[in-house]
Protein backbone atom coordinates (compact mmCIF):
# COMPACT_ATOMS: atom_id res chain seq x y z
CA UNK A 1 13.80 32.89 32.88
CA UNK A 2 14.42 31.57 29.39
CA UNK A 3 12.74 28.17 29.35
CA UNK A 4 9.26 27.45 28.12
CA UNK A 5 6.71 27.62 30.97
CA UNK A 6 5.53 24.06 30.52
CA UNK A 7 3.44 24.16 33.69
CA UNK A 8 1.01 26.77 32.37
CA UNK A 9 -2.59 25.56 32.59
CA UNK A 10 -4.43 24.79 29.40
CA UNK A 11 -8.12 25.35 30.06
CA UNK A 12 -9.35 24.07 26.73
CA UNK A 13 -9.26 20.36 25.85
CA UNK A 14 -5.79 19.22 24.82
CA UNK A 15 -7.02 18.05 21.44
CA UNK A 16 -3.56 18.00 19.90
CA UNK A 17 -2.18 15.76 22.62
CA UNK A 18 -5.19 13.48 22.44
CA UNK A 19 -4.73 13.12 18.70
CA UNK A 20 -1.00 12.55 19.20
CA UNK A 21 -1.72 9.82 21.74
CA UNK A 22 -4.09 8.09 19.30
CA UNK A 23 -1.43 8.21 16.59
CA UNK A 24 1.10 6.78 19.04
CA UNK A 25 -1.30 3.88 19.63
CA UNK A 26 -1.56 3.45 15.85
CA UNK A 27 2.23 3.24 15.73
CA UNK A 28 2.14 0.50 18.37
CA UNK A 29 -0.50 -1.35 16.35
CA UNK A 30 1.77 -1.12 13.31
CA UNK A 31 4.56 -2.70 15.34
CA UNK A 32 2.29 -5.63 16.10
CA UNK A 33 1.29 -5.91 12.45
CA UNK A 34 4.94 -5.91 11.39
CA UNK A 35 5.46 -8.95 13.60
CA UNK A 36 2.44 -10.87 12.26
CA UNK A 37 2.07 -9.63 8.67
CA UNK A 38 5.09 -10.76 6.62
CA UNK A 39 4.05 -9.13 3.34
CA UNK A 40 6.92 -7.17 1.78
CA UNK A 41 6.76 -3.95 -0.22
CA UNK A 42 9.82 -2.38 -1.83
CA UNK A 43 12.14 -4.58 0.21
CA UNK A 44 10.63 -3.92 3.65
CA UNK A 45 7.69 -5.03 5.77
CA UNK A 46 4.53 -3.43 4.47
CA UNK A 47 3.56 -1.91 7.84
CA UNK A 48 6.92 -0.20 8.39
CA UNK A 49 5.92 2.90 6.41
CA UNK A 50 2.64 3.38 8.34
CA UNK A 51 4.65 2.94 11.55
CA UNK A 52 7.05 5.72 10.59
CA UNK A 53 4.25 8.04 9.52
CA UNK A 54 2.20 7.41 12.67
CA UNK A 55 5.22 8.16 14.86
CA UNK A 56 6.14 11.28 12.87
CA UNK A 57 2.59 12.64 12.87
CA UNK A 58 2.22 11.98 16.60
CA UNK A 59 5.45 13.89 17.21
CA UNK A 60 4.26 16.72 14.95
CA UNK A 61 1.01 17.24 16.86
CA UNK A 62 2.68 16.83 20.26
CA UNK A 63 5.27 19.46 19.32
CA UNK A 64 2.55 21.92 18.30
CA UNK A 65 0.87 21.40 21.66
CA UNK A 66 4.16 21.85 23.51
CA UNK A 67 4.83 25.10 21.69
CA UNK A 68 1.49 26.81 22.23
CA UNK A 69 1.47 26.18 25.97
CA UNK A 70 3.81 29.17 26.16
CA UNK A 71 1.14 31.48 24.76
CA UNK A 72 -1.22 33.63 26.85
CA UNK A 73 -4.57 31.92 27.42
CA UNK A 74 -6.59 34.36 25.25
CA UNK A 75 -4.29 33.62 22.30
CA UNK A 76 -4.08 29.91 23.00
CA UNK A 77 -7.86 29.62 23.23
CA UNK A 78 -8.67 32.04 20.39
CA UNK A 79 -10.38 31.24 17.12
CA UNK A 80 -7.16 31.33 15.07
CA UNK A 81 -5.53 28.43 16.91
CA UNK A 82 -8.81 26.57 17.31
CA UNK A 83 -9.25 26.55 13.54
CA UNK A 84 -5.65 25.53 12.87
CA UNK A 85 -5.82 22.86 15.56
CA UNK A 86 -8.71 21.33 13.65
CA UNK A 87 -6.82 21.59 10.37
CA UNK A 88 -3.70 19.97 11.82
CA UNK A 89 -5.64 17.07 13.32
CA UNK A 90 -7.83 16.54 10.25
CA UNK A 91 -4.95 16.55 7.78
CA UNK A 92 -2.78 14.30 9.96
CA UNK A 93 -5.69 11.88 10.25
CA UNK A 94 -6.27 11.93 6.49
CA UNK A 95 -2.62 11.14 5.80
CA UNK A 96 -2.64 8.27 8.28
CA UNK A 97 -5.85 6.74 6.90
CA UNK A 98 -4.50 6.97 3.35
CA UNK A 99 -1.18 5.32 4.16
CA UNK A 100 -2.68 2.62 6.39
CA UNK A 101 -5.35 1.82 3.80
CA UNK A 102 -2.72 1.30 1.13
CA UNK A 103 -0.76 -0.97 3.47
CA UNK A 104 -3.85 -3.00 4.27
CA UNK A 105 -4.39 -3.48 0.53
CA UNK A 106 -0.77 -4.56 0.11
CA UNK A 107 0.12 -1.72 -2.22
CA UNK A 108 1.88 1.64 -2.35
CA UNK A 109 0.40 4.85 -1.00
CA UNK A 110 2.78 7.12 -2.94
CA UNK A 111 3.40 6.82 -6.69
CA UNK A 112 0.67 4.19 -6.99
CA UNK A 113 -0.26 3.41 -10.59
CA UNK A 114 -1.92 0.04 -10.01
CA UNK A 115 -4.94 0.97 -7.84
CA UNK A 116 -6.96 3.67 -9.65
CA UNK A 117 -8.60 5.25 -6.61
CA UNK A 118 -5.31 5.44 -4.71
CA UNK A 119 -3.62 6.98 -7.73
CA UNK A 120 -6.40 9.54 -8.07
CA UNK A 121 -6.31 10.31 -4.36
CA UNK A 122 -2.54 10.80 -4.44
CA UNK A 123 -2.63 13.02 -7.52
CA UNK A 124 -5.57 15.21 -6.49
CA UNK A 125 -6.05 15.31 -2.73
CA UNK A 126 -2.94 14.31 -0.83
CA UNK A 127 -0.81 17.17 -2.10
CA UNK A 128 -3.16 19.91 -0.79
CA UNK A 129 -3.64 17.96 2.44
CA UNK A 130 0.13 17.74 2.98
CA UNK A 131 0.49 21.48 2.27
CA UNK A 132 -2.23 22.32 4.80
CA UNK A 133 -0.59 20.08 7.38
CA UNK A 134 2.74 21.88 6.89
CA UNK A 135 1.09 25.30 6.95
CA UNK A 136 -0.46 24.50 10.31
CA UNK A 137 3.05 24.61 11.78
CA UNK A 138 3.51 28.17 10.49
CA UNK A 139 0.06 29.11 11.80
CA UNK A 140 1.21 28.07 15.29
CA UNK A 141 4.62 29.68 14.87
CA UNK A 142 3.39 33.19 14.08
CA UNK A 143 1.67 33.75 17.47
CA UNK A 144 4.81 32.47 19.21
CA UNK A 145 6.90 35.10 17.40
CA UNK A 146 4.43 37.84 18.34
CA UNK A 147 3.79 36.83 21.94
CA UNK A 148 6.80 34.73 22.98
CA UNK A 149 8.44 36.20 26.06
CA UNK A 150 11.72 34.23 25.91
CA UNK A 151 14.21 33.51 23.18
CA UNK A 152 13.41 29.79 23.41
CA UNK A 153 9.80 30.56 22.59
CA UNK A 154 10.82 32.79 19.70
CA UNK A 155 13.15 30.03 18.49
CA UNK A 156 10.16 27.69 18.57
CA UNK A 157 8.14 30.18 16.55
CA UNK A 158 10.87 30.50 13.95
CA UNK A 159 11.23 26.71 13.86
CA UNK A 160 7.52 26.17 13.22
CA UNK A 161 7.57 28.69 10.38
CA UNK A 162 10.73 27.17 8.91
CA UNK A 163 9.13 23.72 9.02
CA UNK A 164 6.37 24.91 6.69
CA UNK A 165 8.67 26.99 4.49
CA UNK A 166 11.10 24.10 3.97
CA UNK A 167 8.72 21.13 3.92
CA UNK A 168 6.40 22.39 1.20
CA UNK A 169 8.98 22.96 -1.58
CA UNK A 170 11.11 19.94 -0.63
CA UNK A 171 8.00 17.76 -0.45
CA UNK A 172 6.85 18.98 -3.87
CA UNK A 173 10.26 18.22 -5.35
CA UNK A 174 10.24 14.80 -3.68
CA UNK A 175 6.89 13.95 -5.27
CA UNK A 176 8.51 14.24 -8.71
CA UNK A 177 11.94 12.81 -7.88
CA UNK A 178 12.66 9.11 -8.52
CA UNK A 179 14.23 7.15 -5.67
CA UNK A 180 16.62 4.37 -6.60
CA UNK A 181 19.25 2.22 -4.93
CA UNK A 182 19.48 0.27 -1.69
CA UNK A 183 18.40 2.20 1.36
CA UNK A 184 19.71 2.41 4.89
CA UNK A 185 18.11 0.12 7.49
CA UNK A 186 14.80 1.41 8.88
CA UNK A 187 15.13 4.87 7.28
CA UNK A 188 15.31 3.59 3.71
CA UNK A 189 17.37 6.56 2.50
CA UNK A 190 19.99 6.02 -0.16
CA UNK A 191 22.14 9.07 0.74
CA UNK A 192 22.77 9.43 -2.97
CA UNK A 193 21.83 12.12 -5.50
CA UNK A 194 18.24 11.56 -6.56
CA UNK A 195 16.96 10.87 -3.05
CA UNK A 196 15.38 13.88 -1.37
CA UNK A 197 14.13 11.98 1.68
CA UNK A 198 17.03 13.09 3.94
CA UNK A 199 16.27 16.73 3.09
CA UNK A 200 12.57 16.14 3.64
CA UNK A 201 13.31 14.61 7.05
CA UNK A 202 15.39 17.66 8.02
CA UNK A 203 12.65 20.00 6.81
CA UNK A 204 9.82 18.32 8.70
CA UNK A 205 11.83 17.97 11.91
CA UNK A 206 13.10 21.55 12.01
CA UNK A 207 10.31 22.17 14.51
CA UNK A 208 11.99 19.80 16.99
CA UNK A 209 15.68 20.28 16.15
CA UNK A 210 15.77 24.07 16.53
CA UNK A 211 13.93 24.34 19.88
CA UNK A 212 16.03 21.47 21.25
CA UNK A 213 19.18 23.34 20.20
CA UNK A 214 17.88 26.50 21.91
CA UNK A 215 17.05 24.56 25.07
CA UNK A 216 20.55 23.07 25.06
CA UNK A 217 22.19 26.48 24.63
CA UNK A 218 20.12 28.07 27.38
CA UNK A 219 21.78 25.73 29.87
CA UNK A 220 24.94 27.81 29.41
CA UNK A 221 23.29 31.16 30.06
CA UNK A 222 20.71 33.61 28.77
CA UNK A 223 20.26 33.51 25.01
CA UNK A 224 20.86 36.73 23.14
CA UNK A 225 18.12 38.23 21.02
CA UNK A 226 17.72 36.57 17.59
CA UNK A 227 19.55 33.40 18.65
CA UNK A 228 16.45 31.50 17.54
CA UNK A 229 16.56 33.17 14.14
CA UNK A 230 20.26 32.34 13.78
CA UNK A 231 19.61 28.69 14.66
CA UNK A 232 16.75 28.59 12.18
CA UNK A 233 18.85 30.07 9.38
CA UNK A 234 21.63 27.57 10.11
CA UNK A 235 19.29 24.57 10.07
CA UNK A 236 17.56 25.88 6.95
CA UNK A 237 20.91 26.23 5.16
CA UNK A 238 21.80 22.64 6.01
CA UNK A 239 18.39 21.46 4.81
CA UNK A 240 18.68 23.34 1.53
CA UNK A 241 22.20 21.94 1.04
CA UNK A 242 20.82 18.43 1.58
CA UNK A 243 18.05 19.18 -0.93
CA UNK A 244 20.56 20.47 -3.48
CA UNK A 245 22.60 17.30 -3.01
CA UNK A 246 19.47 15.18 -3.33
CA UNK A 247 18.66 16.97 -6.59
CA UNK A 248 22.18 16.26 -7.83
CA UNK A 249 23.12 19.94 -7.96
CA UNK A 250 26.17 19.60 -5.70
């Protein structure tokens, strides 16, 4: 077999899925607020950004849960993953509270220079929190590489590690890069040099794209060893090319 054993029992509370479900409910609440709160910010409804973050964070935590169900119970229930489960949930919650609070105040969460406490929070705390959130993906990926029994599981491990390795530097570059020009509907990207958001999207969603590619390929037969690594290197190259374009280097 080469597919993830999704029917494996999880004897400890599914904290990641519970947190993901709560974030999904937050996303639904943001949809309601978009309908009833007409305030604009940067050319879009003020609750659209919290909606996108809530959905992305819910998907992040749900993907971590999906991945670790392939691990043996002693590893899945061990201290290492318990600690990193707490870190992932705490940092995702902190990001959501920060972004929703800024929306409720009718102001920016990122690059805010008008509300002193939001500016201080962004400049001092949110960077380390975002780094810890990204690192939690690598913390889940390493056990999958060590204990994964199929190439799909190893692909998932590589994908989790790549998510952290790509998201941290691209996110740091994005925090210093100005974004100008009209954006695409919903996404808000400009697809022009100076906008690193497409590269950031590719970096943060490597953890879904690569396992999905592996699951698609496995339908055509058994995956050869290191297919997951090859998929990860390919996606990473595309992400870095998008980042180089966003920086105006190519």
